[in-house]
């Protein structure tokens, strides 16, 4: 699965977010592409990142094992398939990536 962004590594880290646990790619509802972060998306597109509905099936990608996740799985704060932890500070951007 292709992950878009600026200076994206093989696990979805980008120029904006690049700690050990910044490994989640998120889908923009408008263009249906996975991005390392909303900042990368907004810099590379002519539209702002649009959040996906939390009940939409598998709209999150674990950059470590490349598995698609549901919102419920993502909220565990680690990948249920490879057990890699996600950045706990991602909750700050919850409203940018997800809507009810």
C-alpha atoms as a PDB file:
ATOM      1  CA  UNK A   1       0.000   0.000   0.000  1.00  0.00           C
ATOM      2  CA  UNK A   2       1.424   3.402  -0.953  1.00  0.00           C
ATOM      3  CA  UNK A   3       1.904   5.937   1.829  1.00  0.00           C
ATOM      4  CA  UNK A   4       2.146   9.536   0.688  1.00  0.00           C
ATOM      5  CA  UNK A   5       4.009  12.329   2.397  1.00  0.00           C
ATOM      6  CA  UNK A   6       7.237  14.280   2.540  1.00  0.00           C
ATOM      7  CA  UNK A   7      10.406  12.288   3.179  1.00  0.00           C
ATOM      8  CA  UNK A   8       8.346   9.226   4.187  1.00  0.00           C
ATOM      9  CA  UNK A   9      10.304   6.192   5.350  1.00  0.00           C
ATOM     10  CA  UNK A  10       9.251   2.555   4.990  1.00  0.00           C
ATOM     11  CA  UNK A  11       7.208   2.692   8.217  1.00  0.00           C
ATOM     12  CA  UNK A  12       5.266   5.910   7.526  1.00  0.00           C
ATOM     13  CA  UNK A  13       7.435   8.387   9.411  1.00  0.00           C
ATOM     14  CA  UNK A  14       7.672  11.763   7.709  1.00  0.00           C
ATOM     15  CA  UNK A  15       9.413  15.107   7.918  1.00  0.00           C
ATOM     16  CA  UNK A  16       6.832  16.296  10.476  1.00  0.00           C
ATOM     17  CA  UNK A  17       6.473  13.214  12.696  1.00  0.00           C
ATOM     18  CA  UNK A  18       9.410  10.836  12.923  1.00  0.00           C
ATOM     19  CA  UNK A  19       9.684   9.252  16.367  1.00  0.00           C
ATOM     20  CA  UNK A  20       9.934   5.502  16.835  1.00  0.00           C
ATOM     21  CA  UNK A  21       6.137   5.301  17.317  1.00  0.00           C
ATOM     22  CA  UNK A  22       5.035   7.542  14.438  1.00  0.00           C
ATOM     23  CA  UNK A  23       4.091   4.618  12.229  1.00  0.00           C
ATOM     24  CA  UNK A  24       0.430   5.205  11.385  1.00  0.00           C
ATOM     25  CA  UNK A  25      -0.807   6.327   7.975  1.00  0.00           C
ATOM     26  CA  UNK A  26      -4.292   7.793   7.771  1.00  0.00           C
ATOM     27  CA  UNK A  27      -6.743   8.043   4.910  1.00  0.00           C
ATOM     28  CA  UNK A  28      -8.120  11.329   3.645  1.00  0.00           C
ATOM     29  CA  UNK A  29     -11.853  11.013   3.021  1.00  0.00           C
ATOM     30  CA  UNK A  30     -11.683  13.233  -0.056  1.00  0.00           C
ATOM     31  CA  UNK A  31      -8.828  11.667  -2.038  1.00  0.00           C
ATOM     32  CA  UNK A  32      -8.863   8.183  -0.414  1.00  0.00           C
ATOM     33  CA  UNK A  33      -5.078   8.071  -0.143  1.00  0.00           C
ATOM     34  CA  UNK A  34      -3.024   7.178   2.919  1.00  0.00           C
ATOM     35  CA  UNK A  35      -0.775   9.935   4.259  1.00  0.00           C
ATOM     36  CA  UNK A  36       1.907   9.934   6.932  1.00  0.00           C
ATOM     37  CA  UNK A  37       0.224  12.986   8.449  1.00  0.00           C
ATOM     38  CA  UNK A  38      -2.253  15.758   7.720  1.00  0.00           C
ATOM     39  CA  UNK A  39       0.569  18.302   7.326  1.00  0.00           C
ATOM     40  CA  UNK A  40       2.121  16.266   4.503  1.00  0.00           C
ATOM     41  CA  UNK A  41      -1.310  15.911   2.908  1.00  0.00           C
ATOM     42  CA  UNK A  42      -2.079  19.616   3.071  1.00  0.00           C
ATOM     43  CA  UNK A  43       1.323  20.584   1.650  1.00  0.00           C
ATOM     44  CA  UNK A  44       0.979  18.177  -1.290  1.00  0.00           C
ATOM     45  CA  UNK A  45      -2.674  18.711  -2.260  1.00  0.00           C
ATOM     46  CA  UNK A  46      -4.996  21.536  -3.254  1.00  0.00           C
ATOM     47  CA  UNK A  47      -7.528  20.543  -0.577  1.00  0.00           C
ATOM     48  CA  UNK A  48      -7.295  20.170   3.215  1.00  0.00           C
ATOM     49  CA  UNK A  49      -7.223  16.742   4.854  1.00  0.00           C
ATOM     50  CA  UNK A  50     -10.804  15.502   5.311  1.00  0.00           C
ATOM     51  CA  UNK A  51     -11.490  13.191   8.293  1.00  0.00           C
ATOM     52  CA  UNK A  52     -12.965   9.726   7.841  1.00  0.00           C
ATOM     53  CA  UNK A  53     -15.927   8.397   9.815  1.00  0.00           C
ATOM     54  CA  UNK A  54     -14.883   6.291  12.782  1.00  0.00           C
ATOM     55  CA  UNK A  55     -17.198   3.479  11.707  1.00  0.00           C
ATOM     56  CA  UNK A  56     -15.760   3.366   8.182  1.00  0.00           C
ATOM     57  CA  UNK A  57     -14.052   0.033   7.631  1.00  0.00           C
ATOM     58  CA  UNK A  58     -10.253  -0.125   7.858  1.00  0.00           C
ATOM     59  CA  UNK A  59      -9.110   3.409   7.124  1.00  0.00           C
ATOM     60  CA  UNK A  60      -5.860   3.321   9.138  1.00  0.00           C
ATOM     61  CA  UNK A  61      -2.625   1.641   8.085  1.00  0.00           C
ATOM     62  CA  UNK A  62       0.062   0.324  10.426  1.00  0.00           C
ATOM     63  CA  UNK A  63       3.330   1.404   8.850  1.00  0.00           C
ATOM     64  CA  UNK A  64       5.236  -1.346  10.612  1.00  0.00           C
ATOM     65  CA  UNK A  65       3.369  -4.393   9.271  1.00  0.00           C
ATOM     66  CA  UNK A  66       1.290  -2.709   6.515  1.00  0.00           C
ATOM     67  CA  UNK A  67      -1.993  -4.016   7.959  1.00  0.00           C
ATOM     68  CA  UNK A  68      -5.224  -2.072   7.566  1.00  0.00           C
ATOM     69  CA  UNK A  69      -6.907  -1.331  10.885  1.00  0.00           C
ATOM     70  CA  UNK A  70     -10.316  -0.274  12.083  1.00  0.00           C
ATOM     71  CA  UNK A  71     -10.730   2.744  14.331  1.00  0.00           C
ATOM     72  CA  UNK A  72     -11.375   0.397  17.283  1.00  0.00           C
ATOM     73  CA  UNK A  73      -8.101  -1.413  16.637  1.00  0.00           C
ATOM     74  CA  UNK A  74      -6.226   1.872  16.255  1.00  0.00           C
ATOM     75  CA  UNK A  75      -7.597   3.120  19.600  1.00  0.00           C
ATOM     76  CA  UNK A  76      -5.707   0.295  21.352  1.00  0.00           C
ATOM     77  CA  UNK A  77      -2.660   2.529  20.758  1.00  0.00           C
ATOM     78  CA  UNK A  78      -0.706  -0.393  19.322  1.00  0.00           C
ATOM     79  CA  UNK A  79      -1.112  -2.637  16.309  1.00  0.00           C
ATOM     80  CA  UNK A  80      -3.005  -5.813  17.271  1.00  0.00           C
ATOM     81  CA  UNK A  81      -1.112  -7.696  14.531  1.00  0.00           C
ATOM     82  CA  UNK A  82       2.545  -6.749  15.107  1.00  0.00           C
ATOM     83  CA  UNK A  83       2.195  -5.185  18.612  1.00  0.00           C
ATOM     84  CA  UNK A  84       4.172  -2.072  17.620  1.00  0.00           C
ATOM     85  CA  UNK A  85       3.096   0.885  19.748  1.00  0.00           C
ATOM     86  CA  UNK A  86       1.647   4.044  18.227  1.00  0.00           C
ATOM     87  CA  UNK A  87       2.464   7.580  19.316  1.00  0.00           C
ATOM     88  CA  UNK A  88       0.164   8.341  22.293  1.00  0.00           C
ATOM     89  CA  UNK A  89       0.222  12.046  21.374  1.00  0.00           C
ATOM     90  CA  UNK A  90      -1.773  11.308  18.201  1.00  0.00           C
ATOM     91  CA  UNK A  91      -4.899  11.843  20.301  1.00  0.00           C
ATOM     92  CA  UNK A  92      -4.194  15.581  19.986  1.00  0.00           C
ATOM     93  CA  UNK A  93      -5.081  15.367  16.285  1.00  0.00           C
ATOM     94  CA  UNK A  94      -8.136  13.124  16.693  1.00  0.00           C
ATOM     95  CA  UNK A  95     -10.560  15.684  15.220  1.00  0.00           C
ATOM     96  CA  UNK A  96      -8.381  16.195  12.136  1.00  0.00           C
ATOM     97  CA  UNK A  97      -8.374  12.498  11.199  1.00  0.00           C
ATOM     98  CA  UNK A  98     -11.727  11.189  12.441  1.00  0.00           C
ATOM     99  CA  UNK A  99     -15.377  12.206  12.754  1.00  0.00           C
ATOM    100  CA  UNK A 100     -18.474  10.475  14.113  1.00  0.00           C
END
